[in-house]
C-alpha atoms as a PDB file:
ATOM      1  CA  MET A   1     267.950-162.474  78.813  1.00  0.00           C
ATOM      2  CA  LYS A   2     270.908-162.767  80.664  1.00  0.00           C
ATOM      3  CA  ASP A   3     272.444-164.773  77.716  1.00  0.00           C
ATOM      4  CA  LYS A   4     271.272-161.953  75.471  1.00  0.00           C
ATOM      5  CA  THR A   5     273.429-159.596  77.710  1.00  0.00           C
ATOM      6  CA  LEU A   6     276.244-161.869  77.427  1.00  0.00           C
ATOM      7  CA  LYS A   7     276.386-161.928  73.728  1.00  0.00           C
ATOM      8  CA  ILE A   8     275.987-158.388  73.418  1.00  0.00           C
ATOM      9  CA  GLU A   9     279.111-157.781  76.103  1.00  0.00           C
ATOM     10  CA  GLU A  10     281.268-160.045  73.527  1.00  0.00           C
ATOM     11  CA  MET A  11     280.377-158.309  70.439  1.00  0.00           C
ATOM     12  CA  PHE A  12     280.480-154.773  71.636  1.00  0.00           C
ATOM     13  CA  LEU A  13     282.510-154.557  74.776  1.00  0.00           C
ATOM     14  CA  SER A  14     286.131-153.293  74.680  1.00  0.00           C
ATOM     15  CA  PRO A  15     288.688-155.550  75.086  1.00  0.00           C
ATOM     16  CA  PHE A  16     289.685-153.654  78.399  1.00  0.00           C
ATOM     17  CA  ALA A  17     286.315-153.929  79.745  1.00  0.00           C
ATOM     18  CA  THR A  18     285.416-156.352  82.509  1.00  0.00           C
ATOM     19  CA  LYS A  19     282.937-158.416  81.209  1.00  0.00           C
ATOM     20  CA  SER A  20     280.412-159.949  83.308  1.00  0.00           C
ATOM     21  CA  LYS A  21     281.314-163.870  82.332  1.00  0.00           C
ATOM     22  CA  ASP A  22     284.774-163.214  83.646  1.00  0.00           C
ATOM     23  CA  THR A  23     283.911-162.268  87.155  1.00  0.00           C
ATOM     24  CA  VAL A  24     285.985-163.580  90.193  1.00  0.00           C
ATOM     25  CA  GLY A  25     282.686-164.045  91.931  1.00  0.00           C
ATOM     26  CA  ARG A  26     281.323-163.397  95.117  1.00  0.00           C
ATOM     27  CA  LEU A  27     282.673-164.113  99.048  1.00  0.00           C
ATOM     28  CA  TYR A  28     280.032-166.913  99.327  1.00  0.00           C
ATOM     29  CA  PRO A  29     279.039-169.010  96.155  1.00  0.00           C
ATOM     30  CA  GLU A  30     275.255-167.949  94.883  1.00  0.00           C
ATOM     31  CA  GLU A  31     272.907-169.941  92.530  1.00  0.00           C
ATOM     32  CA  PRO A  32     272.961-167.636  89.528  1.00  0.00           C
ATOM     33  CA  CYS A  33     269.942-165.413  88.184  1.00  0.00           C
ATOM     34  CA  ALA A  34     268.694-166.692  85.099  1.00  0.00           C
ATOM     35  CA  MET A  35     267.600-163.074  84.070  1.00  0.00           C
ATOM     36  CA  ARG A  36     270.517-160.896  85.749  1.00  0.00           C
ATOM     37  CA  THR A  37     274.078-161.030  85.199  1.00  0.00           C
ATOM     38  CA  ASP A  38     276.147-160.529  88.617  1.00  0.00           C
ATOM     39  CA  PHE A  39     276.992-156.944  88.100  1.00  0.00           C
ATOM     40  CA  GLN A  40     273.272-156.143  87.486  1.00  0.00           C
ATOM     41  CA  ARG A  41     272.296-158.263  90.439  1.00  0.00           C
ATOM     42  CA  ASP A  42     274.938-156.202  92.612  1.00  0.00           C
ATOM     43  CA  ARG A  43     273.295-153.207  91.214  1.00  0.00           C
ATOM     44  CA  ASP A  44     269.746-153.787  92.216  1.00  0.00           C
ATOM     45  CA  ARG A  45     270.734-154.821  96.052  1.00  0.00           C
ATOM     46  CA  LEU A  46     273.020-151.616  96.416  1.00  0.00           C
ATOM     47  CA  LEU A  47     269.635-149.647  94.921  1.00  0.00           C
ATOM     48  CA  HIS A  48     267.412-151.558  97.596  1.00  0.00           C
ATOM     49  CA  CYS A  49     269.968-151.554 100.722  1.00  0.00           C
ATOM     50  CA  LYS A  50     269.289-149.486 103.903  1.00  0.00           C
ATOM     51  CA  ALA A  51     272.751-147.637 103.625  1.00  0.00           C
ATOM     52  CA  PHE A  52     271.637-146.466 100.196  1.00  0.00           C
ATOM     53  CA  ARG A  53     268.387-144.873 101.457  1.00  0.00           C
ATOM     54  CA  ARG A  54     269.951-143.171 104.371  1.00  0.00           C
ATOM     55  CA  LEU A  55     271.823-141.126 101.876  1.00  0.00           C
ATOM     56  CA  LYS A  56     269.451-138.782 101.276  1.00  0.00           C
ATOM     57  CA  ASN A  57     269.691-137.313 104.535  1.00  0.00           C
ATOM     58  CA  LYS A  58     273.304-136.998 104.799  1.00  0.00           C
ATOM     59  CA  THR A  59     275.375-133.902 103.856  1.00  0.00           C
ATOM     60  CA  GLN A  60     277.115-133.675 100.546  1.00  0.00           C
ATOM     61  CA  VAL A  61     278.752-129.963 101.427  1.00  0.00           C
ATOM     62  CA  PHE A  62     276.070-128.113 103.161  1.00  0.00           C
ATOM     63  CA  PHE A  63     275.290-129.182 106.946  1.00  0.00           C
ATOM     64  CA  SER A  64     271.317-130.151 106.709  1.00  0.00           C
ATOM     65  CA  PRO A  65     270.501-127.495 104.428  1.00  0.00           C
ATOM     66  CA  GLU A  66     266.831-126.312 104.531  1.00  0.00           C
ATOM     67  CA  GLY A  67     266.504-125.509 100.911  1.00  0.00           C
ATOM     68  CA  ASP A  68     264.901-128.052  98.989  1.00  0.00           C
ATOM     69  CA  HIS A  69     267.618-127.503  95.828  1.00  0.00           C
ATOM     70  CA  TYR A  70     270.890-128.123  97.808  1.00  0.00           C
ATOM     71  CA  ARG A  71     272.674-131.651  96.890  1.00  0.00           C
ATOM     72  CA  THR A  72     272.506-134.265  99.601  1.00  0.00           C
ATOM     73  CA  ARG A  73     274.982-137.571  99.506  1.00  0.00           C
ATOM     74  CA  LEU A  74     272.052-139.096  97.757  1.00  0.00           C
ATOM     75  CA  THR A  75     271.852-136.827  94.770  1.00  0.00           C
ATOM     76  CA  HIS A  76     275.555-136.802  94.508  1.00  0.00           C
ATOM     77  CA  THR A  77     275.754-140.559  94.296  1.00  0.00           C
ATOM     78  CA  LEU A  78     273.116-140.688  91.353  1.00  0.00           C
ATOM     79  CA  LEU A  79     275.102-137.915  89.560  1.00  0.00           C
ATOM     80  CA  VAL A  80     278.374-139.920  90.076  1.00  0.00           C
ATOM     81  CA  ALA A  81     276.263-142.803  88.562  1.00  0.00           C
ATOM     82  CA  GLN A  82     275.336-141.108  85.477  1.00  0.00           C
ATOM     83  CA  VAL A  83     278.768-139.552  84.704  1.00  0.00           C
ATOM     84  CA  ALA A  84     280.321-142.785  85.466  1.00  0.00           C
ATOM     85  CA  ARG A  85     277.875-144.619  82.877  1.00  0.00           C
ATOM     86  CA  ALA A  86     278.876-141.842  80.118  1.00  0.00           C
ATOM     87  CA  ILE A  87     282.477-142.635  80.253  1.00  0.00           C
ATOM     88  CA  ALA A  88     281.642-146.234  80.214  1.00  0.00           C
ATOM     89  CA  ARG A  89     279.423-146.300  76.990  1.00  0.00           C
ATOM     90  CA  ALA A  90     281.863-143.668  75.502  1.00  0.00           C
ATOM     91  CA  LEU A  91     284.611-146.001  75.981  1.00  0.00           C
ATOM     92  CA  SER A  92     282.568-149.324  75.629  1.00  0.00           C
ATOM     93  CA  LEU A  93     283.073-150.444  79.522  1.00  0.00           C
ATOM     94  CA  ASN A  94     280.644-152.522  81.599  1.00  0.00           C
ATOM     95  CA  GLU A  95     277.865-150.069  82.211  1.00  0.00           C
ATOM     96  CA  ASP A  96     276.229-152.474  84.822  1.00  0.00           C
ATOM     97  CA  LEU A  97     279.590-152.998  86.911  1.00  0.00           C
ATOM     98  CA  THR A  98     280.081-149.086  86.469  1.00  0.00           C
ATOM     99  CA  GLU A  99     277.056-148.123  87.801  1.00  0.00           C
ATOM    100  CA  ALA A 100     276.850-150.833  90.638  1.00  0.00           C
ATOM    101  CA  ILE A 101     280.391-149.507  91.932  1.00  0.00           C
ATOM    102  CA  ALA A 102     278.951-145.663  91.530  1.00  0.00           C
ATOM    103  CA  LEU A 103     275.993-146.470  93.621  1.00  0.00           C
ATOM    104  CA  GLY A 104     277.927-148.120  96.435  1.00  0.00           C
ATOM    105  CA  HIS A 105     280.792-145.959  96.587  1.00  0.00           C
ATOM    106  CA  ASP A 106     279.754-143.857  99.451  1.00  0.00           C
ATOM    107  CA  LEU A 107     277.440-145.889 101.547  1.00  0.00           C
ATOM    108  CA  GLY A 108     279.866-145.622 104.367  1.00  0.00           C
ATOM    109  CA  HIS A 109     279.782-141.942 104.500  1.00  0.00           C
ATOM    110  CA  THR A 110     279.419-140.170 107.875  1.00  0.00           C
ATOM    111  CA  PRO A 111     276.986-137.613 108.783  1.00  0.00           C
ATOM    112  CA  PHE A 112     278.256-133.945 107.948  1.00  0.00           C
ATOM    113  CA  GLY A 113     280.091-135.103 105.045  1.00  0.00           C
ATOM    114  CA  HIS A 114     284.000-134.857 105.065  1.00  0.00           C
ATOM    115  CA  ALA A 115     283.644-133.018 108.460  1.00  0.00           C
ATOM    116  CA  GLY A 116     282.190-136.075 109.916  1.00  0.00           C
ATOM    117  CA  GLU A 117     284.825-138.215 108.593  1.00  0.00           C
ATOM    118  CA  ARG A 118     287.649-136.381 109.850  1.00  0.00           C
ATOM    119  CA  ILE A 119     286.315-136.418 113.395  1.00  0.00           C
ATOM    120  CA  LEU A 120     285.928-139.997 113.253  1.00  0.00           C
ATOM    121  CA  ASP A 121     289.153-140.452 112.078  1.00  0.00           C
ATOM    122  CA  LYS A 122     290.745-138.330 114.394  1.00  0.00           C
ATOM    123  CA  LEU A 123     288.866-140.287 117.456  1.00  0.00           C
ATOM    124  CA  ASN A 124     289.505-143.696 116.244  1.00  0.00           C
ATOM    125  CA  PRO A 125     292.799-145.170 117.416  1.00  0.00           C
ATOM    126  CA  ASN A 126     292.242-147.337 114.019  1.00  0.00           C
ATOM    127  CA  GLY A 127     291.498-144.418 112.007  1.00  0.00           C
ATOM    128  CA  PHE A 128     288.592-144.034 109.503  1.00  0.00           C
ATOM    129  CA  LYS A 129     288.050-143.707 105.854  1.00  0.00           C
ATOM    130  CA  HIS A 130     284.649-143.291 104.256  1.00  0.00           C
ATOM    131  CA  ASN A 131     285.542-145.625 101.250  1.00  0.00           C
ATOM    132  CA  VAL A 132     286.862-148.533 103.486  1.00  0.00           C
ATOM    133  CA  GLN A 133     283.842-148.209 105.712  1.00  0.00           C
ATOM    134  CA  SER A 134     281.922-148.306 102.626  1.00  0.00           C
ATOM    135  CA  GLY A 135     283.316-151.582 101.666  1.00  0.00           C
ATOM    136  CA  ARG A 136     282.923-152.815 105.605  1.00  0.00           C
ATOM    137  CA  VAL A 137     279.128-152.022 104.785  1.00  0.00           C
ATOM    138  CA  VAL A 138     278.641-153.868 101.686  1.00  0.00           C
ATOM    139  CA  ASP A 139     280.601-156.881 103.073  1.00  0.00           C
ATOM    140  CA  VAL A 140     279.441-157.253 106.739  1.00  0.00           C
ATOM    141  CA  LEU A 141     276.931-154.809 107.911  1.00  0.00           C
ATOM    142  CA  GLU A 142     274.072-154.748 105.657  1.00  0.00           C
ATOM    143  CA  ASN A 143     271.529-157.813 106.198  1.00  0.00           C
ATOM    144  CA  ASN A 144     272.115-158.002 109.749  1.00  0.00           C
ATOM    145  CA  GLY A 145     275.349-158.653 109.552  1.00  0.00           C
ATOM    146  CA  ARG A 146     275.364-160.956 106.379  1.00  0.00           C
ATOM    147  CA  GLY A 147     276.367-158.432 104.078  1.00  0.00           C
ATOM    148  CA  LEU A 148     275.130-158.096 100.458  1.00  0.00           C
ATOM    149  CA  ASN A 149     277.695-160.309  98.978  1.00  0.00           C
ATOM    150  CA  LEU A 150     278.809-158.489  96.285  1.00  0.00           C
ATOM    151  CA  THR A 151     280.908-159.506  93.245  1.00  0.00           C
ATOM    152  CA  ARG A 152     284.842-158.311  93.998  1.00  0.00           C
ATOM    153  CA  GLU A 153     284.896-156.136  91.171  1.00  0.00           C
ATOM    154  CA  VAL A 154     282.007-154.216  92.642  1.00  0.00           C
ATOM    155  CA  VAL A 155     283.738-153.928  96.365  1.00  0.00           C
ATOM    156  CA  ASP A 156     287.305-153.176  94.540  1.00  0.00           C
ATOM    157  CA  GLY A 157     285.610-150.307  92.726  1.00  0.00           C
ATOM    158  CA  ILE A 158     283.826-149.175  95.839  1.00  0.00           C
ATOM    159  CA  ILE A 159     286.971-149.077  98.160  1.00  0.00           C
ATOM    160  CA  ASN A 160     289.597-147.699  95.617  1.00  0.00           C
ATOM    161  CA  HIS A 161     286.765-144.691  94.466  1.00  0.00           C
ATOM    162  CA  LYS A 162     289.358-142.088  95.706  1.00  0.00           C
ATOM    163  CA  ILE A 163     291.444-140.447  93.043  1.00  0.00           C
ATOM    164  CA  SER A 164     294.523-141.738  94.358  1.00  0.00           C
ATOM    165  CA  SER A 165     293.725-145.034  94.739  1.00  0.00           C
ATOM    166  CA  ASP A 166     294.160-147.794  92.132  1.00  0.00           C
ATOM    167  CA  PRO A 167     291.173-149.981  91.334  1.00  0.00           C
ATOM    168  CA  LYS A 168     291.764-153.117  89.341  1.00  0.00           C
ATOM    169  CA  THR A 169     289.153-152.141  86.596  1.00  0.00           C
ATOM    170  CA  LEU A 170     288.705-149.434  84.060  1.00  0.00           C
ATOM    171  CA  GLU A 171     285.009-149.359  85.466  1.00  0.00           C
ATOM    172  CA  GLY A 172     286.323-148.627  88.917  1.00  0.00           C
ATOM    173  CA  ARG A 173     288.850-145.943  87.224  1.00  0.00           C
ATOM    174  CA  ALA A 174     285.395-144.624  85.279  1.00  0.00           C
ATOM    175  CA  VAL A 175     283.771-144.089  88.518  1.00  0.00           C
ATOM    176  CA  SER A 176     286.951-142.608  90.454  1.00  0.00           C
ATOM    177  CA  LEU A 177     287.018-139.867  87.821  1.00  0.00           C
ATOM    178  CA  ALA A 178     282.968-139.313  87.856  1.00  0.00           C
ATOM    179  CA  ASP A 179     283.222-138.862  91.189  1.00  0.00           C
ATOM    180  CA  ARG A 180     285.780-135.479  91.392  1.00  0.00           C
ATOM    181  CA  ILE A 181     283.785-134.354  88.395  1.00  0.00           C
ATOM    182  CA  ALA A 182     280.474-134.431  90.002  1.00  0.00           C
ATOM    183  CA  TYR A 183     281.497-133.107  93.270  1.00  0.00           C
ATOM    184  CA  ILE A 184     283.603-130.380  91.984  1.00  0.00           C
ATOM    185  CA  ASN A 185     280.874-128.841  89.619  1.00  0.00           C
ATOM    186  CA  HIS A 186     277.809-129.710  91.723  1.00  0.00           C
ATOM    187  CA  ASP A 187     279.742-127.961  94.665  1.00  0.00           C
ATOM    188  CA  ILE A 188     280.188-124.935  92.793  1.00  0.00           C
ATOM    189  CA  ASP A 189     276.634-124.535  91.646  1.00  0.00           C
ATOM    190  CA  ASP A 190     275.565-125.241  95.622  1.00  0.00           C
ATOM    191  CA  ALA A 191     278.227-122.620  96.706  1.00  0.00           C
ATOM    192  CA  ILE A 192     277.048-119.984  94.287  1.00  0.00           C
ATOM    193  CA  ALA A 193     273.405-120.797  95.327  1.00  0.00           C
ATOM    194  CA  GLY A 194     274.740-120.183  98.992  1.00  0.00           C
ATOM    195  CA  GLY A 195     276.015-117.063  98.509  1.00  0.00           C
ATOM    196  CA  PHE A 196     279.761-118.132  99.195  1.00  0.00           C
ATOM    197  CA  ILE A 197     281.236-117.194  95.900  1.00  0.00           C
ATOM    198  CA  LYS A 198     279.917-115.567  92.801  1.00  0.00           C
ATOM    199  CA  PRO A 199     280.463-117.212  89.015  1.00  0.00           C
ATOM    200  CA  SER A 200     283.400-114.392  88.541  1.00  0.00           C
ATOM    201  CA  ASP A 201     285.251-115.613  91.156  1.00  0.00           C
ATOM    202  CA  LEU A 202     286.012-118.867  89.481  1.00  0.00           C
ATOM    203  CA  PRO A 203     289.618-119.241  87.836  1.00  0.00           C
ATOM    204  CA  GLN A 204     288.960-117.806  84.657  1.00  0.00           C
ATOM    205  CA  ASP A 205     291.589-119.632  82.413  1.00  0.00           C
ATOM    206  CA  ALA A 206     289.924-123.114  83.846  1.00  0.00           C
ATOM    207  CA  VAL A 207     286.297-121.657  82.939  1.00  0.00           C
ATOM    208  CA  LYS A 208     287.417-120.685  79.627  1.00  0.00           C
ATOM    209  CA  LEU A 209     288.970-123.809  78.803  1.00  0.00           C
ATOM    210  CA  LEU A 210     286.254-126.387  80.599  1.00  0.00           C
ATOM    211  CA  GLY A 211     283.074-124.073  80.342  1.00  0.00           C
ATOM    212  CA  GLU A 212     281.094-121.554  82.215  1.00  0.00           C
ATOM    213  CA  THR A 213     278.441-123.859  83.432  1.00  0.00           C
ATOM    214  CA  SER A 214     278.548-127.314  85.299  1.00  0.00           C
ATOM    215  CA  SER A 215     276.851-128.900  82.504  1.00  0.00           C
ATOM    216  CA  LYS A 216     279.468-127.459  80.054  1.00  0.00           C
ATOM    217  CA  ARG A 217     282.412-128.701  82.292  1.00  0.00           C
ATOM    218  CA  ILE A 218     281.242-132.116  83.080  1.00  0.00           C
ATOM    219  CA  ASN A 219     280.527-132.306  79.091  1.00  0.00           C
ATOM    220  CA  SER A 220     284.302-130.958  78.612  1.00  0.00           C
ATOM    221  CA  MET A 221     285.684-133.640  81.219  1.00  0.00           C
ATOM    222  CA  VAL A 222     283.862-136.516  79.628  1.00  0.00           C
ATOM    223  CA  PHE A 223     284.682-135.657  76.208  1.00  0.00           C
ATOM    224  CA  SER A 224     288.468-135.322  77.221  1.00  0.00           C
ATOM    225  CA  ILE A 225     288.138-138.302  78.924  1.00  0.00           C
ATOM    226  CA  TYR A 226     286.728-139.996  75.523  1.00  0.00           C
ATOM    227  CA  ARG A 227     289.542-138.275  73.592  1.00  0.00           C
ATOM    228  CA  GLU A 228     292.448-139.359  75.892  1.00  0.00           C
ATOM    229  CA  SER A 229     291.158-143.140  76.422  1.00  0.00           C
ATOM    230  CA  ASP A 230     289.223-144.559  73.543  1.00  0.00           C
ATOM    231  CA  GLY A 231     290.870-147.977  72.569  1.00  0.00           C
ATOM    232  CA  LYS A 232     293.464-147.617  75.311  1.00  0.00           C
ATOM    233  CA  ASN A 233     293.599-149.863  78.314  1.00  0.00           C
ATOM    234  CA  THR A 234     293.181-146.662  80.829  1.00  0.00           C
ATOM    235  CA  VAL A 235     290.739-144.218  81.662  1.00  0.00           C
ATOM    236  CA  ALA A 236     292.183-140.644  82.258  1.00  0.00           C
ATOM    237  CA  MET A 237     291.514-136.881  81.163  1.00  0.00           C
ATOM    238  CA  GLU A 238     293.769-135.020  78.761  1.00  0.00           C
ATOM    239  CA  LYS A 239     296.619-133.422  80.630  1.00  0.00           C
ATOM    240  CA  ASP A 240     295.462-129.799  80.182  1.00  0.00           C
ATOM    241  CA  VAL A 241     291.932-130.618  81.015  1.00  0.00           C
ATOM    242  CA  ALA A 242     293.107-132.614  84.268  1.00  0.00           C
ATOM    243  CA  GLU A 243     295.060-129.649  85.053  1.00  0.00           C
ATOM    244  CA  ALA A 244     292.312-127.194  84.552  1.00  0.00           C
ATOM    245  CA  THR A 245     290.023-129.399  86.849  1.00  0.00           C
ATOM    246  CA  ALA A 246     292.641-129.793  89.571  1.00  0.00           C
ATOM    247  CA  VAL A 247     292.682-125.844  89.309  1.00  0.00           C
ATOM    248  CA  LEU A 248     288.452-125.656  90.287  1.00  0.00           C
ATOM    249  CA  ARG A 249     289.280-128.526  92.861  1.00  0.00           C
ATOM    250  CA  LYS A 250     292.054-125.884  94.706  1.00  0.00           C
ATOM    251  CA  PHE A 251     289.696-123.129  94.233  1.00  0.00           C
ATOM    252  CA  MET A 252     286.996-124.948  96.077  1.00  0.00           C
ATOM    253  CA  PHE A 253     289.144-125.916  98.798  1.00  0.00           C
ATOM    254  CA  ASP A 254     290.828-122.719  99.102  1.00  0.00           C
ATOM    255  CA  ASN A 255     287.369-120.414  98.743  1.00  0.00           C
ATOM    256  CA  VAL A 256     284.298-122.803  99.982  1.00  0.00           C
ATOM    257  CA  TYR A 257     285.378-125.631 101.984  1.00  0.00           C
ATOM    258  CA  GLY A 258     287.923-123.401 104.014  1.00  0.00           C
ATOM    259  CA  ASP A 259     285.491-120.737 104.620  1.00  0.00           C
ATOM    260  CA  GLU A 260     284.996-119.619 108.213  1.00  0.00           C
ATOM    261  CA  ALA A 261     281.388-120.184 108.001  1.00  0.00           C
ATOM    262  CA  PHE A 262     282.167-123.927 107.119  1.00  0.00           C
ATOM    263  CA  MET A 263     284.556-124.500 109.635  1.00  0.00           C
ATOM    264  CA  ARG A 264     282.479-122.802 112.281  1.00  0.00           C
ATOM    265  CA  GLU A 265     279.780-125.877 111.343  1.00  0.00           C
ATOM    266  CA  GLU A 266     282.475-128.248 111.324  1.00  0.00           C
ATOM    267  CA  ARG A 267     283.463-127.307 114.997  1.00  0.00           C
ATOM    268  CA  LYS A 268     279.820-127.595 116.173  1.00  0.00           C
ATOM    269  CA  ALA A 269     280.040-131.013 114.661  1.00  0.00           C
ATOM    270  CA  ASP A 270     282.855-132.102 115.925  1.00  0.00           C
ATOM    271  CA  ARG A 271     281.539-131.613 119.647  1.00  0.00           C
ATOM    272  CA  MET A 272     278.483-133.247 118.848  1.00  0.00           C
ATOM    273  CA  ILE A 273     280.276-136.485 117.259  1.00  0.00           C
ATOM    274  CA  SER A 274     282.986-136.429 119.578  1.00  0.00           C
ATOM    275  CA  ALA A 275     280.409-136.430 122.694  1.00  0.00           C
ATOM    276  CA  LEU A 276     278.423-139.247 121.011  1.00  0.00           C
ATOM    277  CA  TYR A 277     281.905-141.233 120.645  1.00  0.00           C
ATOM    278  CA  GLU A 278     282.944-140.780 124.095  1.00  0.00           C
ATOM    279  CA  TYR A 279     279.449-141.642 125.251  1.00  0.00           C
ATOM    280  CA  TYR A 280     279.181-144.802 123.505  1.00  0.00           C
ATOM    281  CA  LYS A 281     282.959-145.552 124.557  1.00  0.00           C
ATOM    282  CA  THR A 282     282.316-145.458 128.167  1.00  0.00           C
ATOM    283  CA  THR A 283     278.382-146.698 127.950  1.00  0.00           C
ATOM    284  CA  PRO A 284     278.672-149.653 125.084  1.00  0.00           C
ATOM    285  CA  SER A 285     275.086-150.887 126.512  1.00  0.00           C
ATOM    286  CA  ALA A 286     273.817-147.903 124.849  1.00  0.00           C
ATOM    287  CA  LEU A 287     274.689-148.997 121.363  1.00  0.00           C
ATOM    288  CA  PRO A 288     272.040-151.209 119.292  1.00  0.00           C
ATOM    289  CA  GLU A 289     271.954-154.554 119.753  1.00  0.00           C
ATOM    290  CA  PHE A 290     273.393-155.631 116.743  1.00  0.00           C
ATOM    291  CA  ASN A 291     276.100-153.206 116.795  1.00  0.00           C
ATOM    292  CA  ARG A 292     276.822-154.586 120.679  1.00  0.00           C
ATOM    293  CA  SER A 293     276.839-158.207 119.203  1.00  0.00           C
ATOM    294  CA  MET A 294     280.048-157.348 117.075  1.00  0.00           C
ATOM    295  CA  ILE A 295     282.197-155.643 119.887  1.00  0.00           C
ATOM    296  CA  GLU A 296     284.149-159.005 120.728  1.00  0.00           C
ATOM    297  CA  ARG A 297     284.930-159.571 117.260  1.00  0.00           C
ATOM    298  CA  ASP A 298     285.961-156.189 115.469  1.00  0.00           C
ATOM    299  CA  GLY A 299     286.318-153.852 118.805  1.00  0.00           C
ATOM    300  CA  LEU A 300     284.402-151.280 120.426  1.00  0.00           C
ATOM    301  CA  ASP A 301     286.088-148.263 118.524  1.00  0.00           C
ATOM    302  CA  THR A 302     285.145-150.028 115.100  1.00  0.00           C
ATOM    303  CA  VAL A 303     281.533-150.811 116.045  1.00  0.00           C
ATOM    304  CA  ILE A 304     281.223-146.963 117.387  1.00  0.00           C
ATOM    305  CA  CYS A 305     282.262-146.116 114.094  1.00  0.00           C
ATOM    306  CA  ASP A 306     279.974-148.290 112.454  1.00  0.00           C
ATOM    307  CA  TYR A 307     277.116-146.937 114.336  1.00  0.00           C
ATOM    308  CA  ILE A 308     277.950-142.979 113.949  1.00  0.00           C
ATOM    309  CA  SER A 309     278.962-143.323 110.443  1.00  0.00           C
ATOM    310  CA  SER A 310     275.441-144.737 109.854  1.00  0.00           C
ATOM    311  CA  MET A 311     273.568-141.785 111.065  1.00  0.00           C
ATOM    312  CA  SER A 312     272.076-139.227 109.098  1.00  0.00           C
ATOM    313  CA  ASP A 313     272.546-136.033 110.155  1.00  0.00           C
ATOM    314  CA  THR A 314     269.065-135.226 111.623  1.00  0.00           C
ATOM    315  CA  PHE A 315     269.410-138.592 113.538  1.00  0.00           C
ATOM    316  CA  ALA A 316     273.121-137.780 114.971  1.00  0.00           C
ATOM    317  CA  VAL A 317     271.165-134.366 115.678  1.00  0.00           C
ATOM    318  CA  ASN A 318     268.620-136.420 117.635  1.00  0.00           C
ATOM    319  CA  GLU A 319     270.719-138.741 119.602  1.00  0.00           C
ATOM    320  CA  PHE A 320     272.945-135.529 120.471  1.00  0.00           C
ATOM    321  CA  THR A 321     269.819-133.943 121.931  1.00  0.00           C
ATOM    322  CA  LYS A 322     268.224-136.811 123.465  1.00  0.00           C
ATOM    323  CA  LEU A 323     271.598-137.540 125.193  1.00  0.00           C
ATOM    324  CA  PHE A 324     272.973-134.494 126.667  1.00  0.00           C
ATOM    325  CA  ILE A 325     270.194-131.866 126.085  1.00  0.00           C
ATOM    326  CA  PRO A 326     267.958-131.964 129.378  1.00  0.00           C
ATOM    327  CA  ASP A 327     263.904-132.328 128.634  1.00  0.00           C
ATOM    328  CA  LYS A 328     261.610-129.294 129.527  1.00  0.00           C
ATOM    329  CA  TRP A 329     259.669-129.962 132.472  1.00  0.00           C
ATOM    330  CA  LYS A 330     255.790-130.682 132.046  1.00  0.00           C
ATOM    331  CA  LEU A 331     254.448-128.621 135.305  1.00  0.00           C
END
């Protein structure tokens, strides 16, 4: 089966694609799998790891939403994987590598979304970035400190998935663009569902060019990448579509992410995470044994960030409640 996949890649992938046989390999050599390529194995490892499962209870935009239909960090990740694979298929890139990067790109994200990331970045003297933490999750923290031992192409794409980064593969670039396409459009849907904005509030020039619904806009953006990049050593949108996408992104930052209701909840998250951070800083014995075992090697601040960033929203609230809210007396 693997030989068949390798032959298909040779026959049909773009000369600019990353072929499975050309991987630079893993940190630690392993016996090859007879059925799956290295990138297919990486995809499966990511799907089965604990950090991936925790994404279902981590905020995308709305903190711990009560409704069933709001996006979580997990549904965001799945949409990124779908959009990224569509881009990879259109450009004849390696879909397995693309999907693996997409599935792992947000494993290091904090509870309470980007608010949690900003708080940890402020508290940790060494700083904190969720993309770097995602790399640490797959290289160090999973499997009780052994990591997932992924191929370097997958780890590079995970660490460099932010739009300002420069991944080494076109597959990594596809994920970076898919991430932006996904969060802009599904965050618009959630903001409309939450009553923060109305469809008529969206910048109309951008809507006219890209489409009135998220599905039409996603299609426009992906098709634009195909027109701009097919047969070239690049993955990019056409200039007008990229500019319209940037307009929508700015609108969301100005009118949704910066809304006072969001800021009020972020201040609550700040107090909660700051209290947890200070508690573990002064009482490292309260950290789980696995995390404590890494303090001497990696430093207390890094280990505290490992633990807090791994928490789901609910777990963080429960830990705060357990540590700082008095129990009811039973008389």
